[in-house]
């Protein structure tokens, strides 16, 4: 039992470090995105120049930050939670809710998103899809692939959370009946 839990905790730590790395990496895209938006605004309103590719670039960058940063946010418990009951609950109750939430909601939904997105991404790669806008970005097939990476990164972070919740549940002291 202890060996299995050590192995599972090792997997959870690996998943955590992957999302930690991706979170820090995509955070640098925010700097780029702000500079890009600033440039678009200055070019448009000061010089009357607009470029579709620049506008698409900040929209794509914004989406990439949200998609690839979601696992990092989950790792640091930064997602919005309606915790009217959860915040005051016992550790055992929280562990049960987290396990059920991962198994019933999070992982199945991510699986469905992945499976349903795969044909769209494959079609996009088959034709090296580009933006439908004249003057838009050429790599739409790469951008669409980020959705699959989102499912993987978010999924492994939910698995890490599941492992930790099971570990917390098992190692918590049992409540004595009166």
N, C-alpha and C. Protein backbone atom coordinates (compact mmCIF):
# COMPACT_ATOMS: atom_id res chain seq x y z
N UNK A 1 0.83 -1.20 0.00
CA UNK A 1 0.00 0.00 0.00
C UNK A 1 0.87 1.26 0.00
N UNK A 2 1.87 1.30 0.87
CA UNK A 2 2.73 2.49 0.95
C UNK A 2 3.51 2.70 -0.33
N UNK A 3 3.97 1.61 -0.94
CA UNK A 3 4.71 1.71 -2.19
C UNK A 3 3.81 2.25 -3.30
N UNK A 4 2.59 1.78 -3.34
CA UNK A 4 1.64 2.27 -4.35
C UNK A 4 1.37 3.76 -4.15
N UNK A 5 1.18 4.17 -2.91
CA UNK A 5 0.92 5.59 -2.64
C UNK A 5 2.13 6.45 -2.97
N UNK A 6 3.33 5.94 -2.69
CA UNK A 6 4.54 6.69 -3.05
C UNK A 6 4.63 6.87 -4.55
N UNK A 7 4.31 5.79 -5.28
CA UNK A 7 4.33 5.85 -6.74
C UNK A 7 3.30 6.85 -7.26
N UNK A 8 2.09 6.80 -6.71
CA UNK A 8 1.03 7.72 -7.13
C UNK A 8 1.41 9.17 -6.80
N UNK A 9 2.02 9.37 -5.64
CA UNK A 9 2.45 10.74 -5.29
C UNK A 9 3.56 11.22 -6.22
N UNK A 10 4.42 10.31 -6.65
CA UNK A 10 5.45 10.66 -7.64
C UNK A 10 4.80 11.11 -8.94
N UNK A 11 3.79 10.37 -9.39
CA UNK A 11 3.06 10.75 -10.61
C UNK A 11 2.41 12.11 -10.42
N UNK A 12 1.77 12.33 -9.28
CA UNK A 12 1.13 13.62 -9.00
C UNK A 12 2.17 14.74 -9.03
N UNK A 13 3.33 14.51 -8.46
CA UNK A 13 4.39 15.53 -8.47
C UNK A 13 4.88 15.82 -9.88
N UNK A 14 4.99 14.79 -10.70
CA UNK A 14 5.41 14.98 -12.09
C UNK A 14 4.36 15.82 -12.83
N UNK A 15 3.08 15.46 -12.65
CA UNK A 15 2.01 16.22 -13.30
C UNK A 15 1.99 17.67 -12.81
N UNK A 16 2.21 17.86 -11.51
CA UNK A 16 2.26 19.21 -10.96
C UNK A 16 3.40 20.01 -11.59
N UNK A 17 4.56 19.38 -11.73
CA UNK A 17 5.71 20.11 -12.29
C UNK A 17 5.50 20.43 -13.77
N UNK A 18 4.81 19.57 -14.49
CA UNK A 18 4.51 19.86 -15.90
C UNK A 18 3.63 21.10 -15.99
N UNK A 19 2.57 21.14 -15.19
CA UNK A 19 1.66 22.30 -15.22
C UNK A 19 2.31 23.54 -14.64
N UNK A 20 3.20 23.37 -13.69
CA UNK A 20 3.94 24.52 -13.16
C UNK A 20 4.78 25.14 -14.28
N UNK A 21 5.44 24.28 -15.05
CA UNK A 21 6.27 24.77 -16.15
C UNK A 21 5.42 25.47 -17.21
N UNK A 22 4.33 24.83 -17.63
CA UNK A 22 3.47 25.44 -18.65
C UNK A 22 2.88 26.75 -18.15
N UNK A 23 2.48 26.80 -16.90
CA UNK A 23 1.91 28.03 -16.35
C UNK A 23 2.89 29.18 -16.38
N UNK A 24 4.13 28.90 -15.99
CA UNK A 24 5.14 29.95 -16.02
C UNK A 24 5.50 30.34 -17.45
N UNK A 25 5.53 29.35 -18.34
CA UNK A 25 5.87 29.64 -19.75
C UNK A 25 4.80 30.52 -20.40
N UNK A 26 3.53 30.16 -20.22
CA UNK A 26 2.47 30.94 -20.88
C UNK A 26 2.27 32.29 -20.23
N UNK A 27 2.74 32.44 -18.99
CA UNK A 27 2.61 33.76 -18.36
C UNK A 27 3.42 34.81 -19.12
N UNK A 28 4.49 34.38 -19.76
CA UNK A 28 5.27 35.32 -20.57
C UNK A 28 4.52 35.76 -21.81
N UNK A 29 3.57 34.96 -22.26
CA UNK A 29 2.74 35.37 -23.40
C UNK A 29 1.89 36.58 -23.05
N UNK A 30 1.59 36.76 -21.78
CA UNK A 30 0.80 37.93 -21.37
C UNK A 30 1.55 39.22 -21.64
N UNK A 31 2.86 39.22 -21.41
CA UNK A 31 3.67 40.40 -21.70
C UNK A 31 3.61 40.69 -23.20
N UNK A 32 3.79 39.64 -23.99
CA UNK A 32 3.73 39.78 -25.45
C UNK A 32 2.35 40.27 -25.88
N UNK A 33 1.30 39.73 -25.27
CA UNK A 33 -0.06 40.11 -25.63
C UNK A 33 -0.32 41.59 -25.33
N UNK A 34 0.12 42.05 -24.18
CA UNK A 34 -0.07 43.46 -23.82
C UNK A 34 0.66 44.36 -24.80
N UNK A 35 1.89 44.01 -25.16
CA UNK A 35 2.65 44.79 -26.14
C UNK A 35 1.96 44.78 -27.50
N UNK A 36 1.42 43.64 -27.86
CA UNK A 36 0.72 43.53 -29.15
C UNK A 36 -0.53 44.39 -29.16
N UNK A 37 -1.34 44.33 -28.11
CA UNK A 37 -2.57 45.15 -28.04
C UNK A 37 -2.20 46.63 -28.06
N UNK A 38 -1.18 46.99 -27.30
CA UNK A 38 -0.73 48.38 -27.28
C UNK A 38 -0.33 48.83 -28.69
N UNK A 39 0.41 47.98 -29.39
CA UNK A 39 0.84 48.31 -30.75
C UNK A 39 -0.35 48.46 -31.70
N UNK A 40 -1.31 47.55 -31.58
CA UNK A 40 -2.51 47.62 -32.45
C UNK A 40 -3.24 48.93 -32.22
N UNK A 41 -3.40 49.31 -30.97
CA UNK A 41 -4.13 50.54 -30.64
C UNK A 41 -3.37 51.76 -31.16
N UNK A 42 -2.08 51.83 -30.92
CA UNK A 42 -1.28 52.98 -31.38
C UNK A 42 -1.28 53.06 -32.90
N UNK A 43 -1.06 51.91 -33.54
CA UNK A 43 -1.04 51.92 -35.01
C UNK A 43 -2.38 52.33 -35.60
N UNK A 44 -3.46 51.85 -35.01
CA UNK A 44 -4.78 52.16 -35.56
C UNK A 44 -5.18 53.60 -35.32
N UNK A 45 -5.05 54.08 -34.09
CA UNK A 45 -5.59 55.40 -33.76
C UNK A 45 -4.60 56.54 -33.99
N UNK A 46 -3.32 56.25 -33.96
CA UNK A 46 -2.35 57.32 -34.19
C UNK A 46 -1.94 57.40 -35.66
N UNK A 47 -1.90 56.24 -36.33
CA UNK A 47 -1.40 56.21 -37.71
C UNK A 47 -2.42 55.70 -38.72
N UNK A 48 -3.60 55.32 -38.27
CA UNK A 48 -4.63 54.85 -39.19
C UNK A 48 -4.28 53.54 -39.87
N UNK A 49 -3.43 52.74 -39.26
CA UNK A 49 -3.00 51.46 -39.85
C UNK A 49 -3.57 50.31 -39.03
N UNK A 50 -4.13 49.34 -39.71
CA UNK A 50 -4.63 48.14 -39.03
C UNK A 50 -4.19 46.89 -39.76
N UNK A 51 -3.88 45.87 -39.01
CA UNK A 51 -3.48 44.60 -39.59
C UNK A 51 -4.27 43.48 -38.92
N UNK A 52 -4.96 42.71 -39.75
CA UNK A 52 -5.79 41.61 -39.24
C UNK A 52 -4.95 40.62 -38.45
N UNK A 53 -3.77 40.30 -38.95
CA UNK A 53 -2.94 39.30 -38.29
C UNK A 53 -2.55 39.73 -36.87
N UNK A 54 -2.36 41.04 -36.69
CA UNK A 54 -2.01 41.52 -35.35
C UNK A 54 -3.20 41.38 -34.39
N UNK A 55 -4.39 41.64 -34.91
CA UNK A 55 -5.58 41.49 -34.08
C UNK A 55 -5.83 40.02 -33.74
N UNK A 56 -5.67 39.16 -34.74
CA UNK A 56 -5.83 37.73 -34.48
C UNK A 56 -4.78 37.24 -33.49
N UNK A 57 -3.59 37.78 -33.59
CA UNK A 57 -2.51 37.35 -32.72
C UNK A 57 -2.83 37.58 -31.25
N UNK A 58 -3.42 38.72 -30.90
CA UNK A 58 -3.72 38.90 -29.48
C UNK A 58 -4.93 38.08 -29.04
N UNK A 59 -5.84 37.80 -29.93
CA UNK A 59 -6.96 36.92 -29.58
C UNK A 59 -6.44 35.49 -29.36
N UNK A 60 -5.58 35.03 -30.26
CA UNK A 60 -5.01 33.69 -30.13
C UNK A 60 -4.15 33.59 -28.87
N UNK A 61 -3.35 34.61 -28.62
CA UNK A 61 -2.48 34.61 -27.45
C UNK A 61 -3.32 34.54 -26.17
N UNK A 62 -4.38 35.31 -26.14
CA UNK A 62 -5.27 35.30 -24.98
C UNK A 62 -5.86 33.91 -24.76
N UNK A 63 -6.32 33.28 -25.82
CA UNK A 63 -6.90 31.94 -25.72
C UNK A 63 -5.85 30.92 -25.27
N UNK A 64 -4.65 31.03 -25.79
CA UNK A 64 -3.58 30.10 -25.41
C UNK A 64 -3.25 30.23 -23.93
N UNK A 65 -3.19 31.45 -23.44
CA UNK A 65 -2.90 31.67 -22.01
C UNK A 65 -3.99 31.01 -21.16
N UNK A 66 -5.24 31.19 -21.52
CA UNK A 66 -6.32 30.60 -20.74
C UNK A 66 -6.31 29.08 -20.84
N UNK A 67 -6.14 28.55 -22.04
CA UNK A 67 -6.19 27.10 -22.21
C UNK A 67 -5.01 26.39 -21.56
N UNK A 68 -3.81 26.87 -21.83
CA UNK A 68 -2.63 26.19 -21.31
C UNK A 68 -2.31 26.57 -19.87
N UNK A 69 -2.93 27.62 -19.37
CA UNK A 69 -2.73 28.02 -17.98
C UNK A 69 -3.77 27.45 -17.03
N UNK A 70 -4.74 26.74 -17.56
CA UNK A 70 -5.82 26.23 -16.71
C UNK A 70 -5.32 25.17 -15.71
N UNK A 71 -4.43 24.30 -16.14
CA UNK A 71 -3.87 23.30 -15.23
C UNK A 71 -3.05 23.95 -14.13
N UNK A 72 -2.29 24.97 -14.48
CA UNK A 72 -1.50 25.73 -13.50
C UNK A 72 -2.43 26.39 -12.48
N UNK A 73 -3.53 26.94 -12.96
CA UNK A 73 -4.49 27.59 -12.07
C UNK A 73 -5.12 26.57 -11.12
N UNK A 74 -5.45 25.40 -11.64
CA UNK A 74 -5.99 24.33 -10.79
C UNK A 74 -4.95 23.89 -9.77
N UNK A 75 -3.71 23.76 -10.19
CA UNK A 75 -2.63 23.37 -9.29
C UNK A 75 -2.54 24.32 -8.10
N UNK A 76 -2.74 25.61 -8.34
CA UNK A 76 -2.63 26.61 -7.29
C UNK A 76 -3.99 27.00 -6.71
N UNK A 77 -5.01 26.15 -6.97
CA UNK A 77 -6.36 26.34 -6.43
C UNK A 77 -6.91 27.72 -6.75
N UNK A 78 -6.70 28.16 -7.99
CA UNK A 78 -7.11 29.50 -8.38
C UNK A 78 -8.41 29.58 -9.15
N UNK A 79 -9.04 28.44 -9.42
CA UNK A 79 -10.31 28.47 -10.13
C UNK A 79 -11.43 28.90 -9.19
N UNK A 80 -12.43 29.53 -9.74
CA UNK A 80 -13.57 29.98 -8.95
C UNK A 80 -14.33 28.75 -8.46
N UNK A 81 -14.68 28.79 -7.20
CA UNK A 81 -15.39 27.67 -6.60
C UNK A 81 -16.57 28.24 -5.81
N UNK A 82 -17.70 27.64 -5.97
CA UNK A 82 -18.85 28.04 -5.15
C UNK A 82 -18.74 27.21 -3.88
N UNK A 83 -18.27 27.86 -2.84
CA UNK A 83 -17.92 27.09 -1.65
C UNK A 83 -18.76 27.46 -0.43
N UNK A 84 -20.05 27.55 -0.61
CA UNK A 84 -20.92 27.84 0.51
C UNK A 84 -20.82 26.75 1.57
N UNK A 85 -20.69 25.53 1.13
CA UNK A 85 -20.58 24.40 2.05
C UNK A 85 -19.12 23.94 2.14
N UNK A 86 -18.43 23.94 1.04
CA UNK A 86 -17.09 23.37 0.95
C UNK A 86 -16.10 24.02 1.90
N UNK A 87 -16.09 25.34 1.99
CA UNK A 87 -15.04 26.02 2.77
C UNK A 87 -15.11 25.71 4.25
N UNK A 88 -16.30 25.43 4.76
CA UNK A 88 -16.42 25.14 6.19
C UNK A 88 -16.48 23.64 6.47
N UNK A 89 -16.37 22.83 5.43
CA UNK A 89 -16.49 21.37 5.59
C UNK A 89 -15.21 20.77 6.16
N UNK A 90 -15.34 19.57 6.64
CA UNK A 90 -14.18 18.84 7.16
C UNK A 90 -13.27 18.42 6.01
N UNK A 91 -12.05 18.09 6.35
CA UNK A 91 -11.07 17.65 5.34
C UNK A 91 -11.55 16.38 4.64
N UNK A 92 -12.17 15.48 5.39
CA UNK A 92 -12.68 14.22 4.81
C UNK A 92 -13.78 14.52 3.79
N UNK A 93 -14.69 15.41 4.12
CA UNK A 93 -15.78 15.79 3.21
C UNK A 93 -15.21 16.43 1.95
N UNK A 94 -14.23 17.33 2.11
CA UNK A 94 -13.60 17.97 0.96
C UNK A 94 -12.94 16.95 0.06
N UNK A 95 -12.27 15.96 0.65
CA UNK A 95 -11.61 14.93 -0.15
C UNK A 95 -12.64 14.13 -0.94
N UNK A 96 -13.76 13.80 -0.32
CA UNK A 96 -14.82 13.05 -1.02
C UNK A 96 -15.38 13.88 -2.17
N UNK A 97 -15.67 15.14 -1.92
CA UNK A 97 -16.21 16.02 -2.96
C UNK A 97 -15.22 16.16 -4.12
N UNK A 98 -13.93 16.32 -3.80
CA UNK A 98 -12.91 16.45 -4.83
C UNK A 98 -12.79 15.18 -5.68
N UNK A 99 -12.82 14.03 -5.04
CA UNK A 99 -12.74 12.76 -5.78
C UNK A 99 -13.95 12.61 -6.69
N UNK A 100 -15.12 12.84 -6.15
CA UNK A 100 -16.34 12.70 -6.97
C UNK A 100 -16.38 13.74 -8.09
N UNK A 101 -15.95 14.96 -7.80
CA UNK A 101 -15.92 15.99 -8.82
C UNK A 101 -14.99 15.63 -9.98
N UNK A 102 -13.84 15.09 -9.64
CA UNK A 102 -12.89 14.67 -10.69
C UNK A 102 -13.45 13.53 -11.52
N UNK A 103 -13.97 12.50 -10.83
CA UNK A 103 -14.42 11.30 -11.53
C UNK A 103 -15.74 11.47 -12.28
N UNK A 104 -16.64 12.24 -11.73
CA UNK A 104 -17.98 12.37 -12.34
C UNK A 104 -18.05 13.52 -13.33
N UNK A 105 -17.37 14.62 -13.03
CA UNK A 105 -17.51 15.81 -13.87
C UNK A 105 -16.27 16.12 -14.71
N UNK A 106 -15.17 16.40 -14.06
CA UNK A 106 -14.00 16.95 -14.76
C UNK A 106 -13.42 16.01 -15.81
N UNK A 107 -13.02 14.82 -15.41
CA UNK A 107 -12.35 13.92 -16.35
C UNK A 107 -13.26 13.47 -17.50
N UNK A 108 -14.53 13.12 -17.24
CA UNK A 108 -15.40 12.78 -18.38
C UNK A 108 -15.62 13.94 -19.35
N UNK A 109 -15.77 15.15 -18.83
CA UNK A 109 -15.98 16.30 -19.72
C UNK A 109 -14.73 16.56 -20.56
N UNK A 110 -13.57 16.48 -19.94
CA UNK A 110 -12.32 16.68 -20.69
C UNK A 110 -12.14 15.59 -21.74
N UNK A 111 -12.52 14.38 -21.42
CA UNK A 111 -12.44 13.28 -22.39
C UNK A 111 -13.36 13.55 -23.59
N UNK A 112 -14.57 14.00 -23.31
CA UNK A 112 -15.52 14.31 -24.40
C UNK A 112 -14.99 15.46 -25.26
N UNK A 113 -14.47 16.50 -24.62
CA UNK A 113 -13.91 17.62 -25.38
C UNK A 113 -12.78 17.13 -26.27
N UNK A 114 -11.90 16.29 -25.73
CA UNK A 114 -10.77 15.77 -26.50
C UNK A 114 -11.25 14.95 -27.69
N UNK A 115 -12.14 14.00 -27.44
CA UNK A 115 -12.62 13.10 -28.50
C UNK A 115 -13.40 13.87 -29.57
N UNK A 116 -14.23 14.80 -29.17
CA UNK A 116 -15.02 15.57 -30.13
C UNK A 116 -14.17 16.60 -30.89
N UNK A 117 -13.07 17.04 -30.31
CA UNK A 117 -12.19 18.02 -30.97
C UNK A 117 -11.22 17.37 -31.93
N UNK A 118 -10.89 16.12 -31.70
CA UNK A 118 -9.88 15.44 -32.51
C UNK A 118 -10.18 15.48 -34.02
N UNK A 119 -11.39 15.17 -34.48
CA UNK A 119 -11.65 15.24 -35.92
C UNK A 119 -11.46 16.65 -36.50
N UNK A 120 -11.87 17.67 -35.75
CA UNK A 120 -11.71 19.05 -36.20
C UNK A 120 -10.22 19.38 -36.35
N UNK A 121 -9.42 18.97 -35.38
CA UNK A 121 -7.99 19.24 -35.42
C UNK A 121 -7.34 18.46 -36.56
N UNK A 122 -7.74 17.21 -36.74
CA UNK A 122 -7.19 16.40 -37.83
C UNK A 122 -7.50 17.02 -39.20
N UNK A 123 -8.75 17.46 -39.39
CA UNK A 123 -9.12 18.12 -40.66
C UNK A 123 -8.29 19.38 -40.87
N UNK A 124 -8.09 20.12 -39.82
CA UNK A 124 -7.33 21.36 -39.90
C UNK A 124 -5.88 21.07 -40.29
N UNK A 125 -5.30 20.03 -39.71
CA UNK A 125 -3.92 19.66 -40.05
C UNK A 125 -3.83 19.12 -41.48
N UNK A 126 -4.85 18.40 -41.93
CA UNK A 126 -4.83 17.82 -43.29
C UNK A 126 -4.72 18.88 -44.37
N UNK A 127 -5.28 20.07 -44.11
CA UNK A 127 -5.25 21.13 -45.12
C UNK A 127 -4.36 22.29 -44.69
N UNK A 128 -3.64 22.11 -43.58
CA UNK A 128 -2.84 23.20 -43.01
C UNK A 128 -3.65 24.49 -42.98
N UNK A 129 -4.78 24.39 -42.31
CA UNK A 129 -5.77 25.47 -42.26
C UNK A 129 -5.15 26.79 -41.79
N UNK A 130 -5.59 27.84 -42.46
CA UNK A 130 -5.17 29.18 -42.07
C UNK A 130 -6.41 30.01 -41.77
N UNK A 131 -6.21 31.21 -41.34
CA UNK A 131 -7.32 32.09 -41.01
C UNK A 131 -8.21 32.32 -42.23
N UNK A 132 -9.49 32.44 -41.98
CA UNK A 132 -10.44 32.73 -43.06
C UNK A 132 -10.38 34.20 -43.47
N UNK A 133 -9.79 35.03 -42.65
CA UNK A 133 -9.69 36.46 -42.94
C UNK A 133 -8.52 36.74 -43.88
N UNK A 134 -8.74 37.64 -44.82
CA UNK A 134 -7.64 38.07 -45.69
C UNK A 134 -6.61 38.79 -44.84
N UNK A 135 -5.37 38.37 -44.93
CA UNK A 135 -4.32 38.98 -44.12
C UNK A 135 -4.24 38.41 -42.72
N UNK A 136 -4.96 37.29 -42.48
CA UNK A 136 -4.95 36.66 -41.16
C UNK A 136 -3.74 35.75 -40.98
N UNK A 137 -3.67 35.14 -39.83
CA UNK A 137 -2.54 34.26 -39.50
C UNK A 137 -2.64 32.93 -40.24
N UNK A 138 -1.50 32.38 -40.64
CA UNK A 138 -1.52 31.15 -41.42
C UNK A 138 -1.65 29.86 -40.61
N UNK A 139 -1.36 29.83 -39.34
CA UNK A 139 -1.27 28.58 -38.58
C UNK A 139 -2.47 28.21 -37.75
N UNK A 140 -3.66 28.32 -38.30
CA UNK A 140 -4.86 28.00 -37.54
C UNK A 140 -4.84 26.55 -37.07
N UNK A 141 -4.26 25.66 -37.84
CA UNK A 141 -4.18 24.25 -37.46
C UNK A 141 -3.36 24.08 -36.17
N UNK A 142 -2.34 24.90 -35.98
CA UNK A 142 -1.56 24.85 -34.74
C UNK A 142 -2.38 25.38 -33.57
N UNK A 143 -3.08 26.46 -33.83
CA UNK A 143 -3.91 27.06 -32.79
C UNK A 143 -5.00 26.09 -32.33
N UNK A 144 -5.63 25.41 -33.26
CA UNK A 144 -6.67 24.45 -32.89
C UNK A 144 -6.11 23.28 -32.08
N UNK A 145 -4.86 22.95 -32.30
CA UNK A 145 -4.22 21.86 -31.57
C UNK A 145 -4.07 22.18 -30.08
N UNK A 146 -4.07 23.45 -29.75
CA UNK A 146 -3.96 23.87 -28.36
C UNK A 146 -5.13 23.33 -27.54
N UNK A 147 -6.28 23.14 -28.17
CA UNK A 147 -7.44 22.60 -27.47
C UNK A 147 -7.15 21.19 -26.96
N UNK A 148 -6.46 20.39 -27.76
CA UNK A 148 -6.11 19.03 -27.32
C UNK A 148 -5.09 19.08 -26.18
N UNK A 149 -4.13 19.98 -26.31
CA UNK A 149 -3.13 20.14 -25.26
C UNK A 149 -3.79 20.61 -23.95
N UNK A 150 -4.78 21.48 -24.08
CA UNK A 150 -5.56 21.92 -22.90
C UNK A 150 -6.16 20.71 -22.20
N UNK A 151 -6.79 19.82 -22.96
CA UNK A 151 -7.43 18.65 -22.36
C UNK A 151 -6.41 17.78 -21.63
N UNK A 152 -5.24 17.64 -22.22
CA UNK A 152 -4.19 16.82 -21.61
C UNK A 152 -3.67 17.47 -20.33
N UNK A 153 -3.32 18.75 -20.41
CA UNK A 153 -2.75 19.43 -19.25
C UNK A 153 -3.76 19.56 -18.10
N UNK A 154 -4.97 19.94 -18.45
CA UNK A 154 -6.00 20.07 -17.42
C UNK A 154 -6.34 18.69 -16.85
N UNK A 155 -6.39 17.69 -17.73
CA UNK A 155 -6.68 16.32 -17.31
C UNK A 155 -5.64 15.77 -16.35
N UNK A 156 -4.36 15.96 -16.68
CA UNK A 156 -3.33 15.42 -15.77
C UNK A 156 -3.34 16.16 -14.43
N UNK A 157 -3.75 17.43 -14.45
CA UNK A 157 -3.82 18.15 -13.17
C UNK A 157 -5.00 17.66 -12.35
N UNK A 158 -6.10 17.31 -13.01
CA UNK A 158 -7.22 16.72 -12.27
C UNK A 158 -6.84 15.35 -11.73
N UNK A 159 -6.05 14.59 -12.49
CA UNK A 159 -5.58 13.28 -12.00
C UNK A 159 -4.69 13.49 -10.77
N UNK A 160 -3.81 14.49 -10.83
CA UNK A 160 -2.97 14.81 -9.68
C UNK A 160 -3.84 15.18 -8.47
N UNK A 161 -4.85 15.98 -8.70
CA UNK A 161 -5.77 16.37 -7.63
C UNK A 161 -6.51 15.15 -7.08
N UNK A 162 -6.89 14.25 -7.96
CA UNK A 162 -7.56 13.02 -7.56
C UNK A 162 -6.65 12.18 -6.67
N UNK A 163 -5.40 12.02 -7.08
CA UNK A 163 -4.43 11.25 -6.29
C UNK A 163 -4.27 11.87 -4.90
N UNK A 164 -4.10 13.18 -4.87
CA UNK A 164 -3.92 13.87 -3.58
C UNK A 164 -5.17 13.75 -2.71
N UNK A 165 -6.34 13.85 -3.31
CA UNK A 165 -7.58 13.74 -2.54
C UNK A 165 -7.75 12.34 -1.98
N UNK A 166 -7.44 11.33 -2.77
CA UNK A 166 -7.52 9.95 -2.27
C UNK A 166 -6.51 9.76 -1.15
N UNK A 167 -5.30 10.28 -1.35
CA UNK A 167 -4.28 10.20 -0.30
C UNK A 167 -4.72 10.90 0.97
N UNK A 168 -5.34 12.06 0.83
CA UNK A 168 -5.84 12.79 2.00
C UNK A 168 -6.95 12.02 2.70
N UNK A 169 -7.83 11.43 1.91
CA UNK A 169 -8.95 10.69 2.47
C UNK A 169 -8.46 9.47 3.24
N UNK A 170 -7.53 8.75 2.66
CA UNK A 170 -7.03 7.53 3.28
C UNK A 170 -6.24 7.83 4.55
N UNK A 171 -5.45 8.90 4.51
CA UNK A 171 -4.59 9.18 5.67
C UNK A 171 -5.25 10.02 6.75
N UNK A 172 -6.46 10.49 6.51
CA UNK A 172 -7.15 11.27 7.54
C UNK A 172 -7.60 10.36 8.67
N UNK A 173 -7.56 10.86 9.88
CA UNK A 173 -8.03 10.03 11.00
C UNK A 173 -9.53 9.80 10.88
N UNK A 174 -9.95 8.62 11.23
CA UNK A 174 -11.37 8.26 11.17
C UNK A 174 -12.14 9.03 12.25
N UNK A 175 -13.36 9.39 11.91
CA UNK A 175 -14.22 10.10 12.86
C UNK A 175 -14.82 9.06 13.79
N UNK A 176 -14.66 9.28 15.06
CA UNK A 176 -15.19 8.34 16.06
C UNK A 176 -16.67 8.60 16.26
N UNK A 177 -17.41 7.49 16.33
CA UNK A 177 -18.85 7.59 16.61
C UNK A 177 -19.03 7.74 18.11
N UNK A 178 -19.98 8.58 18.49
CA UNK A 178 -20.28 8.76 19.91
C UNK A 178 -21.27 7.76 20.41
